[in-house]
Each structure stands twice: as C-alpha cells, then as structure tokens.
Amino acid sequence: MLSTQLIDAITAQKKEVSVSMRLKSESQRFSQLLFHVFFDSETDTIAALRELEDLFLVIRNLACPDIKGKPCKTWEDFTVAIPDLFCSLKKDATAIYENDPAAKSLEEIYLAYPGFFAIAIYRMARVFYKLGLPLIPRLMTEYAHQLTGIDIHPGATIGASLFIDHGTGVVIGETAEIHDHVKIYQGVTLGALTVKKSLQDQKRHPTIQDHVTIYANATILGGDTVIGAHSTIGGNAWITSSVDKNTVAIYTAQVKTSTQKTHS
C-alpha cells in the first residue's frame, strides 16, 4: 500500500509546478494534423479543419487556464495566417527540390525530408509565437526536434526558401535571424556566444543574410555576428565574428605526422 507520506510529497510537488502533459500530447497532435491538412491528399480538409479548431481551443485553454472562457486569441486569429504559411512552405519545398540533386519530386520532399518537416512545424509554431500564446510553440518545435533531430526555436526569424539538408543536429537559437535563400547542412549551430540568464531579453544568436550556404558541423555564435550575403561557411568552421558578403570562410585542419626512430 502506498504511504501517506509519499502521496503527500507528490501532491505538494504538483501544487508547486503545475504541468499538463495533455498540453504536450495535444500540441503534437495539432502539429501532425495541420501538416496532413496541408500535404496529405487523403485527409478530409473540412473535417480536419473542424478538428483543428477544437484542438486549438483545447491547447489554448490548457496553456492559459486563467483566460479559459474569456476573450482571447481565437481560431480565426490563427487561420488568418494560413494562406501565407502555406505559401512559405511551398517555397521551402521548392528550394529543397531545386538545390538537392537527390530530390526527385515535391512529393518525396513532403513525405521523406526531415528538414522540410522541421521547417514546416517551425513555421506553424511561429504563428502561435506571434499570437503570444505560451508553451504551445515550444512544444510544437520540440515535437519536430524529437522526430528529426533538428532544433529550431520558434522565436527565430526565418525568411523565405530555407533549405536544410539531412538536418540531424541542426540548432537554431531563439534570436537567430535567417534571411532568404539560405542553405544549411547537418550539424550546424546558430548559437549564443555567452549563455547567461541575464541576457534573456537581448539578441544572442547570429544573423545570416541572403543566399548564404553553411556546410556541415559549422558553428556560428553571437548576437553581433552577421554572415554577409552570398557567403559560404565551410564545414567545421567556428565563427564568432562577422563575415563580409561574398566571403568563403573555411576551417583548415592541421595535420601532424609523428616519426618513430628505429633502433638497431
């Protein structure tokens, strides 16, 4: 039999920090269903949109219990953004198709590309972020992170036609700014140079201008760091200061050969 002491300890913990695991699961379900509405030919659009409206109210009220039943952000506030959202995702898919020689069709990109899925969920979550609803956008992008290994904070500002190839290990921080037609490969980090709680409200992550290519495992850090347009950042590069436009920044490995003396 469970002890009263154990039950009291668990009850006290739940009172101290109130967490609804249903908010997490329902946010994930909302993300998946919205993706299907956009791209799955077998999903009934009308029925799915009705279900999404119900889910929107559920997750909104779970995230903001204090406003339940009061005027707040509505399903209509979300749907206003859908036409632009869908247009943005088509541009992302087209960018992948045009830049990846392995991509044979847009259908393949919608079904099989983790980079596209992560970008799609980010853009959906970004709508919630702009509406000012807490927790939901983070839960959505974390859902994509779990499935793809790509971690994009919903606070990041990302322009048109983003191409993330392979994607595993990509990290894009909260205050990062990515302009149009940027290409990012696996293992890239757009992070903070210094991690301090006191910097919470400051720009901590880099700005990537138009038509930049960042190859695998490159790390770019700092809120003042700007990668100029049409630049290329080579694989494994470590960047903590700005790079002028039309620049190629590469990591040069140092290879040392050790020789062993032979004794007779």
C-alpha atoms as a PDB file:
ATOM      1  CA  MET A   1       0.000   0.000   0.000  1.00  0.00           C
ATOM      2  CA  LEU A   2       1.237   3.488  -0.844  1.00  0.00           C
ATOM      3  CA  SER A   3       2.327   5.512   2.145  1.00  0.00           C
ATOM      4  CA  THR A   4       0.587   8.752   3.054  1.00  0.00           C
ATOM      5  CA  GLN A   5       3.989  10.429   3.160  1.00  0.00           C
ATOM      6  CA  LEU A   6       4.719   9.518  -0.484  1.00  0.00           C
ATOM      7  CA  ILE A   7       1.312  10.684  -1.674  1.00  0.00           C
ATOM      8  CA  ASP A   8       1.678  13.981   0.217  1.00  0.00           C
ATOM      9  CA  ALA A   9       5.126  14.574  -1.289  1.00  0.00           C
ATOM     10  CA  ILE A  10       3.857  14.016  -4.847  1.00  0.00           C
ATOM     11  CA  THR A  11       0.789  16.181  -4.236  1.00  0.00           C
ATOM     12  CA  ALA A  12       2.956  19.012  -2.888  1.00  0.00           C
ATOM     13  CA  GLN A  13       5.223  18.828  -5.928  1.00  0.00           C
ATOM     14  CA  LYS A  14       2.265  19.056  -8.296  1.00  0.00           C
ATOM     15  CA  LYS A  15       0.992  22.122  -6.469  1.00  0.00           C
ATOM     16  CA  GLU A  16       4.400  23.775  -6.725  1.00  0.00           C
ATOM     17  CA  VAL A  17       4.705  23.351 -10.505  1.00  0.00           C
ATOM     18  CA  SER A  18       1.502  22.756 -12.458  1.00  0.00           C
ATOM     19  CA  VAL A  19       2.207  20.800 -15.644  1.00  0.00           C
ATOM     20  CA  SER A  20      -0.360  19.363 -18.035  1.00  0.00           C
ATOM     21  CA  MET A  21       1.077  16.505 -20.071  1.00  0.00           C
ATOM     22  CA  ARG A  22      -2.105  16.644 -22.141  1.00  0.00           C
ATOM     23  CA  LEU A  23      -0.969  20.037 -23.433  1.00  0.00           C
ATOM     24  CA  LYS A  24       2.141  18.340 -24.816  1.00  0.00           C
ATOM     25  CA  SER A  25       0.316  15.450 -26.471  1.00  0.00           C
ATOM     26  CA  GLU A  26      -2.449  17.642 -27.893  1.00  0.00           C
ATOM     27  CA  SER A  27       0.061  20.177 -29.251  1.00  0.00           C
ATOM     28  CA  GLN A  28       1.813  17.321 -31.033  1.00  0.00           C
ATOM     29  CA  ARG A  29      -1.498  16.065 -32.413  1.00  0.00           C
ATOM     30  CA  PHE A  30      -2.347  19.574 -33.637  1.00  0.00           C
ATOM     31  CA  SER A  31       1.028  19.830 -35.411  1.00  0.00           C
ATOM     32  CA  GLN A  32       0.693  16.462 -37.130  1.00  0.00           C
ATOM     33  CA  LEU A  33      -2.908  17.042 -38.214  1.00  0.00           C
ATOM     34  CA  LEU A  34      -2.154  20.506 -39.630  1.00  0.00           C
ATOM     35  CA  PHE A  35       0.759  19.029 -41.609  1.00  0.00           C
ATOM     36  CA  HIS A  36      -1.645  16.420 -43.005  1.00  0.00           C
ATOM     37  CA  VAL A  37      -4.197  19.096 -43.907  1.00  0.00           C
ATOM     38  CA  PHE A  38      -1.582  20.876 -45.974  1.00  0.00           C
ATOM     39  CA  PHE A  39       0.061  17.922 -47.683  1.00  0.00           C
ATOM     40  CA  ASP A  40      -1.913  14.673 -47.355  1.00  0.00           C
ATOM     41  CA  SER A  41      -4.280  14.033 -50.284  1.00  0.00           C
ATOM     42  CA  GLU A  42      -6.283  11.529 -48.219  1.00  0.00           C
ATOM     43  CA  THR A  43      -7.041  13.907 -45.352  1.00  0.00           C
ATOM     44  CA  ASP A  44     -10.565  15.354 -45.446  1.00  0.00           C
ATOM     45  CA  THR A  45      -9.831  19.087 -45.318  1.00  0.00           C
ATOM     46  CA  ILE A  46     -13.189  20.227 -43.934  1.00  0.00           C
ATOM     47  CA  ALA A  47     -13.377  17.583 -41.216  1.00  0.00           C
ATOM     48  CA  ALA A  48      -9.720  18.098 -40.258  1.00  0.00           C
ATOM     49  CA  LEU A  49     -10.109  21.865 -40.000  1.00  0.00           C
ATOM     50  CA  ARG A  50     -13.065  21.383 -37.660  1.00  0.00           C
ATOM     51  CA  GLU A  51     -10.979  19.046 -35.527  1.00  0.00           C
ATOM     52  CA  LEU A  52      -8.115  21.532 -35.573  1.00  0.00           C
ATOM     53  CA  GLU A  53     -10.431  24.287 -34.348  1.00  0.00           C
ATOM     54  CA  ASP A  54     -11.463  22.121 -31.397  1.00  0.00           C
ATOM     55  CA  LEU A  55      -7.818  21.241 -30.695  1.00  0.00           C
ATOM     56  CA  PHE A  56      -6.840  24.904 -30.882  1.00  0.00           C
ATOM     57  CA  LEU A  57      -9.268  25.749 -28.100  1.00  0.00           C
ATOM     58  CA  VAL A  58      -8.091  22.790 -26.004  1.00  0.00           C
ATOM     59  CA  ILE A  59      -4.403  23.684 -26.162  1.00  0.00           C
ATOM     60  CA  ARG A  60      -5.068  27.411 -25.794  1.00  0.00           C
ATOM     61  CA  ASN A  61      -7.059  26.824 -22.619  1.00  0.00           C
ATOM     62  CA  LEU A  62      -4.520  24.357 -21.241  1.00  0.00           C
ATOM     63  CA  ALA A  63      -1.667  26.790 -21.894  1.00  0.00           C
ATOM     64  CA  CYS A  64      -3.584  29.743 -20.469  1.00  0.00           C
ATOM     65  CA  PRO A  65      -6.004  28.377 -17.829  1.00  0.00           C
ATOM     66  CA  ASP A  66      -6.551  31.853 -16.424  1.00  0.00           C
ATOM     67  CA  ILE A  67      -8.267  33.040 -19.629  1.00  0.00           C
ATOM     68  CA  LYS A  68     -10.486  29.989 -20.195  1.00  0.00           C
ATOM     69  CA  GLY A  69     -13.933  31.195 -21.240  1.00  0.00           C
ATOM     70  CA  LYS A  70     -12.734  34.789 -21.669  1.00  0.00           C
ATOM     71  CA  PRO A  71     -11.984  36.711 -24.881  1.00  0.00           C
ATOM     72  CA  CYS A  72      -8.535  35.674 -26.068  1.00  0.00           C
ATOM     73  CA  LYS A  73      -6.730  34.561 -29.186  1.00  0.00           C
ATOM     74  CA  THR A  74      -9.194  32.703 -31.385  1.00  0.00           C
ATOM     75  CA  TRP A  75      -9.075  30.053 -34.098  1.00  0.00           C
ATOM     76  CA  GLU A  76      -9.800  32.867 -36.557  1.00  0.00           C
ATOM     77  CA  ASP A  77      -6.650  34.660 -35.371  1.00  0.00           C
ATOM     78  CA  PHE A  78      -4.712  31.550 -36.343  1.00  0.00           C
ATOM     79  CA  THR A  79      -6.424  30.851 -39.662  1.00  0.00           C
ATOM     80  CA  VAL A  80      -5.708  34.358 -40.924  1.00  0.00           C
ATOM     81  CA  ALA A  81      -2.062  33.308 -41.183  1.00  0.00           C
ATOM     82  CA  ILE A  82      -2.684  30.024 -43.053  1.00  0.00           C
ATOM     83  CA  PRO A  83      -2.537  31.345 -46.654  1.00  0.00           C
ATOM     84  CA  ASP A  84       0.865  32.973 -46.050  1.00  0.00           C
ATOM     85  CA  LEU A  85       2.012  29.931 -44.094  1.00  0.00           C
ATOM     86  CA  PHE A  86       1.127  27.560 -46.912  1.00  0.00           C
ATOM     87  CA  CYS A  87       2.836  29.822 -49.452  1.00  0.00           C
ATOM     88  CA  SER A  88       6.010  29.910 -47.338  1.00  0.00           C
ATOM     89  CA  LEU A  89       6.091  26.122 -47.066  1.00  0.00           C
ATOM     90  CA  LYS A  90       5.736  25.704 -50.824  1.00  0.00           C
ATOM     91  CA  LYS A  91       8.758  27.989 -51.252  1.00  0.00           C
ATOM     92  CA  ASP A  92      10.748  25.913 -48.741  1.00  0.00           C
ATOM     93  CA  ALA A  93       9.869  22.682 -50.543  1.00  0.00           C
ATOM     94  CA  THR A  94      10.785  24.211 -53.900  1.00  0.00           C
ATOM     95  CA  ALA A  95      14.136  25.389 -52.509  1.00  0.00           C
ATOM     96  CA  ILE A  96      14.915  21.839 -51.394  1.00  0.00           C
ATOM     97  CA  TYR A  97      13.894  20.400 -54.764  1.00  0.00           C
ATOM     98  CA  GLU A  98      15.983  22.918 -56.711  1.00  0.00           C
ATOM     99  CA  ASN A  99      19.094  22.539 -54.536  1.00  0.00           C
ATOM    100  CA  ASP A 100      19.225  18.819 -53.770  1.00  0.00           C
ATOM    101  CA  PRO A 101      20.159  16.608 -56.747  1.00  0.00           C
ATOM    102  CA  ALA A 102      18.822  13.604 -54.815  1.00  0.00           C
ATOM    103  CA  ALA A 103      15.286  15.048 -54.696  1.00  0.00           C
ATOM    104  CA  LYS A 104      13.169  13.540 -57.452  1.00  0.00           C
ATOM    105  CA  SER A 105       9.832  15.228 -56.716  1.00  0.00           C
ATOM    106  CA  LEU A 106       7.995  17.543 -54.347  1.00  0.00           C
ATOM    107  CA  GLU A 107       6.033  14.524 -53.131  1.00  0.00           C
ATOM    108  CA  GLU A 108       9.303  12.970 -51.946  1.00  0.00           C
ATOM    109  CA  ILE A 109      10.157  16.147 -50.059  1.00  0.00           C
ATOM    110  CA  TYR A 110       6.782  16.300 -48.301  1.00  0.00           C
ATOM    111  CA  LEU A 111       6.988  12.645 -47.300  1.00  0.00           C
ATOM    112  CA  ALA A 112      10.657  11.921 -46.688  1.00  0.00           C
ATOM    113  CA  TYR A 113      12.669  15.053 -45.894  1.00  0.00           C
ATOM    114  CA  PRO A 114      13.211  15.741 -42.179  1.00  0.00           C
ATOM    115  CA  GLY A 115      14.474  19.231 -42.983  1.00  0.00           C
ATOM    116  CA  PHE A 116      11.181  20.137 -44.601  1.00  0.00           C
ATOM    117  CA  PHE A 117       9.139  18.662 -41.740  1.00  0.00           C
ATOM    118  CA  ALA A 118      11.141  20.614 -39.154  1.00  0.00           C
ATOM    119  CA  ILE A 119      10.780  23.863 -41.112  1.00  0.00           C
ATOM    120  CA  ALA A 120       7.046  23.260 -41.551  1.00  0.00           C
ATOM    121  CA  ILE A 121       6.426  22.710 -37.845  1.00  0.00           C
ATOM    122  CA  TYR A 122       8.607  25.724 -37.020  1.00  0.00           C
ATOM    123  CA  ARG A 123       6.520  27.955 -39.290  1.00  0.00           C
ATOM    124  CA  MET A 124       3.292  26.644 -37.753  1.00  0.00           C
ATOM    125  CA  ALA A 125       4.662  27.193 -34.251  1.00  0.00           C
ATOM    126  CA  ARG A 126       5.787  30.670 -35.234  1.00  0.00           C
ATOM    127  CA  VAL A 127       2.134  31.653 -35.727  1.00  0.00           C
ATOM    128  CA  PHE A 128       1.393  30.696 -32.104  1.00  0.00           C
ATOM    129  CA  TYR A 129       4.547  32.546 -31.032  1.00  0.00           C
ATOM    130  CA  LYS A 130       3.359  35.741 -32.727  1.00  0.00           C
ATOM    131  CA  LEU A 131      -0.050  35.352 -31.091  1.00  0.00           C
ATOM    132  CA  GLY A 132       1.711  35.446 -27.740  1.00  0.00           C
ATOM    133  CA  LEU A 133       0.425  32.077 -26.538  1.00  0.00           C
ATOM    134  CA  PRO A 134       2.913  30.447 -24.142  1.00  0.00           C
ATOM    135  CA  LEU A 135       4.333  26.910 -24.210  1.00  0.00           C
ATOM    136  CA  ILE A 136       2.490  25.762 -27.353  1.00  0.00           C
ATOM    137  CA  PRO A 137       5.097  26.955 -29.895  1.00  0.00           C
ATOM    138  CA  ARG A 138       7.925  25.371 -27.894  1.00  0.00           C
ATOM    139  CA  LEU A 139       6.047  22.096 -27.619  1.00  0.00           C
ATOM    140  CA  MET A 140       5.455  22.077 -31.376  1.00  0.00           C
ATOM    141  CA  THR A 141       9.065  22.670 -32.362  1.00  0.00           C
ATOM    142  CA  GLU A 142      10.249  20.206 -29.731  1.00  0.00           C
ATOM    143  CA  TYR A 143       7.956  17.635 -31.352  1.00  0.00           C
ATOM    144  CA  ALA A 144       9.778  18.197 -34.648  1.00  0.00           C
ATOM    145  CA  HIS A 145      13.093  18.046 -32.784  1.00  0.00           C
ATOM    146  CA  GLN A 146      12.205  14.630 -31.368  1.00  0.00           C
ATOM    147  CA  LEU A 147      11.341  13.270 -34.810  1.00  0.00           C
ATOM    148  CA  THR A 148      14.092  14.862 -36.899  1.00  0.00           C
ATOM    149  CA  GLY A 149      16.996  15.864 -34.643  1.00  0.00           C
ATOM    150  CA  ILE A 150      16.546  19.465 -35.857  1.00  0.00           C
ATOM    151  CA  ASP A 151      16.068  22.036 -33.084  1.00  0.00           C
ATOM    152  CA  ILE A 152      14.565  25.350 -34.257  1.00  0.00           C
ATOM    153  CA  HIS A 153      13.369  27.766 -31.599  1.00  0.00           C
ATOM    154  CA  PRO A 154      10.001  29.332 -32.562  1.00  0.00           C
ATOM    155  CA  GLY A 155      11.408  32.742 -31.653  1.00  0.00           C
ATOM    156  CA  ALA A 156      13.914  32.614 -34.510  1.00  0.00           C
ATOM    157  CA  THR A 157      13.137  34.821 -37.514  1.00  0.00           C
ATOM    158  CA  ILE A 158      13.434  32.876 -40.767  1.00  0.00           C
ATOM    159  CA  GLY A 159      12.896  34.257 -44.257  1.00  0.00           C
ATOM    160  CA  ALA A 160      11.764  32.605 -47.461  1.00  0.00           C
ATOM    161  CA  SER A 161      13.074  29.446 -49.129  1.00  0.00           C
ATOM    162  CA  LEU A 162      15.115  27.846 -46.344  1.00  0.00           C
ATOM    163  CA  PHE A 163      16.909  24.634 -47.311  1.00  0.00           C
ATOM    164  CA  ILE A 164      18.011  22.301 -44.519  1.00  0.00           C
ATOM    165  CA  ASP A 165      19.696  19.216 -45.973  1.00  0.00           C
ATOM    166  CA  HIS A 166      19.932  15.990 -43.928  1.00  0.00           C
ATOM    167  CA  GLY A 167      19.464  18.166 -40.857  1.00  0.00           C
ATOM    168  CA  THR A 168      20.425  15.945 -37.938  1.00  0.00           C
ATOM    169  CA  GLY A 169      21.994  18.044 -35.189  1.00  0.00           C
ATOM    170  CA  VAL A 170      20.994  21.459 -36.564  1.00  0.00           C
ATOM    171  CA  VAL A 171      20.365  24.015 -33.809  1.00  0.00           C
ATOM    172  CA  ILE A 172      18.852  27.452 -34.490  1.00  0.00           C
ATOM    173  CA  GLY A 173      18.570  29.655 -31.406  1.00  0.00           C
ATOM    174  CA  GLU A 174      15.774  31.914 -30.228  1.00  0.00           C
ATOM    175  CA  THR A 175      17.085  35.245 -31.528  1.00  0.00           C
ATOM    176  CA  ALA A 176      18.715  33.987 -34.718  1.00  0.00           C
ATOM    177  CA  GLU A 177      17.795  35.785 -37.937  1.00  0.00           C
ATOM    178  CA  ILE A 178      17.953  33.901 -41.223  1.00  0.00           C
ATOM    179  CA  HIS A 179      17.208  35.823 -44.401  1.00  0.00           C
ATOM    180  CA  ASP A 180      16.086  34.428 -47.771  1.00  0.00           C
ATOM    181  CA  HIS A 181      17.513  31.508 -49.789  1.00  0.00           C
ATOM    182  CA  VAL A 182      19.823  30.177 -47.077  1.00  0.00           C
ATOM    183  CA  LYS A 183      21.189  26.619 -47.200  1.00  0.00           C
ATOM    184  CA  ILE A 184      22.106  24.777 -44.007  1.00  0.00           C
ATOM    185  CA  TYR A 185      23.598  21.299 -43.707  1.00  0.00           C
ATOM    186  CA  GLN A 186      23.639  18.794 -40.836  1.00  0.00           C
ATOM    187  CA  GLY A 187      25.236  19.627 -37.507  1.00  0.00           C
ATOM    188  CA  VAL A 188      25.146  23.410 -37.948  1.00  0.00           C
ATOM    189  CA  THR A 189      24.716  25.509 -34.793  1.00  0.00           C
ATOM    190  CA  LEU A 190      23.481  29.103 -34.785  1.00  0.00           C
ATOM    191  CA  GLY A 191      24.007  29.727 -31.104  1.00  0.00           C
ATOM    192  CA  ALA A 192      24.878  32.159 -28.340  1.00  0.00           C
ATOM    193  CA  LEU A 193      28.456  33.145 -27.629  1.00  0.00           C
ATOM    194  CA  THR A 194      27.716  33.546 -23.920  1.00  0.00           C
ATOM    195  CA  VAL A 195      24.957  31.718 -22.071  1.00  0.00           C
ATOM    196  CA  LYS A 196      23.701  33.820 -19.163  1.00  0.00           C
ATOM    197  CA  LYS A 197      20.176  34.226 -17.818  1.00  0.00           C
ATOM    198  CA  SER A 198      20.752  37.981 -17.625  1.00  0.00           C
ATOM    199  CA  LEU A 199      20.960  38.076 -21.454  1.00  0.00           C
ATOM    200  CA  GLN A 200      17.458  36.671 -21.821  1.00  0.00           C
ATOM    201  CA  ASP A 201      15.999  39.776 -23.491  1.00  0.00           C
ATOM    202  CA  GLN A 202      18.988  40.502 -25.739  1.00  0.00           C
ATOM    203  CA  LYS A 203      19.898  39.277 -29.204  1.00  0.00           C
ATOM    204  CA  ARG A 204      22.203  36.335 -28.537  1.00  0.00           C
ATOM    205  CA  HIS A 205      22.257  34.470 -31.842  1.00  0.00           C
ATOM    206  CA  PRO A 206      23.714  35.360 -35.259  1.00  0.00           C
ATOM    207  CA  THR A 207      22.187  36.912 -38.356  1.00  0.00           C
ATOM    208  CA  ILE A 208      22.521  35.045 -41.658  1.00  0.00           C
ATOM    209  CA  GLN A 209      21.915  37.193 -44.717  1.00  0.00           C
ATOM    210  CA  ASP A 210      20.553  36.200 -48.146  1.00  0.00           C
ATOM    211  CA  HIS A 211      21.992  33.331 -50.214  1.00  0.00           C
ATOM    212  CA  VAL A 212      24.411  32.073 -47.541  1.00  0.00           C
ATOM    213  CA  THR A 213      25.478  28.423 -47.524  1.00  0.00           C
ATOM    214  CA  ILE A 214      26.585  26.856 -44.241  1.00  0.00           C
ATOM    215  CA  TYR A 215      28.171  23.422 -44.541  1.00  0.00           C
ATOM    216  CA  ALA A 216      28.122  20.520 -42.107  1.00  0.00           C
ATOM    217  CA  ASN A 217      29.071  20.992 -38.448  1.00  0.00           C
ATOM    218  CA  ALA A 218      29.856  24.693 -38.752  1.00  0.00           C
ATOM    219  CA  THR A 219      29.264  26.699 -35.559  1.00  0.00           C
ATOM    220  CA  ILE A 220      28.301  30.384 -35.717  1.00  0.00           C
ATOM    221  CA  LEU A 221      27.909  32.197 -32.403  1.00  0.00           C
ATOM    222  CA  GLY A 222      26.940  35.602 -31.058  1.00  0.00           C
ATOM    223  CA  GLY A 223      24.178  38.167 -31.416  1.00  0.00           C
ATOM    224  CA  ASP A 224      26.504  40.676 -33.097  1.00  0.00           C
ATOM    225  CA  THR A 225      27.757  38.130 -35.627  1.00  0.00           C
ATOM    226  CA  VAL A 226      26.485  38.760 -39.159  1.00  0.00           C
ATOM    227  CA  ILE A 227      27.259  36.464 -42.082  1.00  0.00           C
ATOM    228  CA  GLY A 228      27.157  38.622 -45.191  1.00  0.00           C
ATOM    229  CA  ALA A 229      25.077  37.807 -48.236  1.00  0.00           C
ATOM    230  CA  HIS A 230      26.325  35.246 -50.769  1.00  0.00           C
ATOM    231  CA  SER A 231      28.965  33.923 -48.363  1.00  0.00           C
ATOM    232  CA  THR A 232      29.928  30.304 -47.824  1.00  0.00           C
ATOM    233  CA  ILE A 233      30.849  28.884 -44.424  1.00  0.00           C
ATOM    234  CA  GLY A 234      32.839  25.679 -44.753  1.00  0.00           C
ATOM    235  CA  GLY A 235      32.337  22.508 -42.774  1.00  0.00           C
ATOM    236  CA  ASN A 236      33.567  22.501 -39.152  1.00  0.00           C
ATOM    237  CA  ALA A 237      34.225  26.255 -39.204  1.00  0.00           C
ATOM    238  CA  TRP A 238      33.999  28.099 -35.862  1.00  0.00           C
ATOM    239  CA  ILE A 239      32.739  31.673 -36.358  1.00  0.00           C
ATOM    240  CA  THR A 240      32.366  34.225 -33.558  1.00  0.00           C
ATOM    241  CA  SER A 241      32.688  37.475 -35.513  1.00  0.00           C
ATOM    242  CA  SER A 242      31.048  38.910 -38.605  1.00  0.00           C
ATOM    243  CA  VAL A 243      31.913  37.780 -42.116  1.00  0.00           C
ATOM    244  CA  ASP A 244      31.727  40.187 -45.070  1.00  0.00           C
ATOM    245  CA  LYS A 245      29.453  39.422 -48.000  1.00  0.00           C
ATOM    246  CA  ASN A 246      30.817  37.242 -50.825  1.00  0.00           C
ATOM    247  CA  THR A 247      33.290  35.589 -48.450  1.00  0.00           C
ATOM    248  CA  VAL A 248      34.382  31.961 -48.198  1.00  0.00           C
ATOM    249  CA  ALA A 249      35.258  31.052 -44.603  1.00  0.00           C
ATOM    250  CA  ILE A 250      36.822  27.623 -44.163  1.00  0.00           C
ATOM    251  CA  TYR A 251      38.323  25.505 -41.427  1.00  0.00           C
ATOM    252  CA  THR A 252      41.849  24.366 -42.169  1.00  0.00           C
ATOM    253  CA  ALA A 253      42.917  21.216 -40.416  1.00  0.00           C
ATOM    254  CA  GLN A 254      46.471  20.898 -39.120  1.00  0.00           C
ATOM    255  CA  VAL A 255      47.918  17.507 -39.838  1.00  0.00           C
ATOM    256  CA  LYS A 256      50.995  16.464 -37.874  1.00  0.00           C
ATOM    257  CA  THR A 257      52.920  13.345 -38.753  1.00  0.00           C
ATOM    258  CA  SER A 258      54.927  11.751 -35.998  1.00  0.00           C
ATOM    259  CA  THR A 259      58.007   9.738 -36.924  1.00  0.00           C
ATOM    260  CA  GLN A 260      59.405   6.945 -34.816  1.00  0.00           C
ATOM    261  CA  LYS A 261      63.117   6.298 -34.672  1.00  0.00           C
ATOM    262  CA  THR A 262      64.232   2.820 -35.465  1.00  0.00           C
ATOM    263  CA  HIS A 263      66.871   1.364 -33.159  1.00  0.00           C
ATOM    264  CA  SER A 264      69.154  -1.485 -34.278  1.00  0.00           C
END
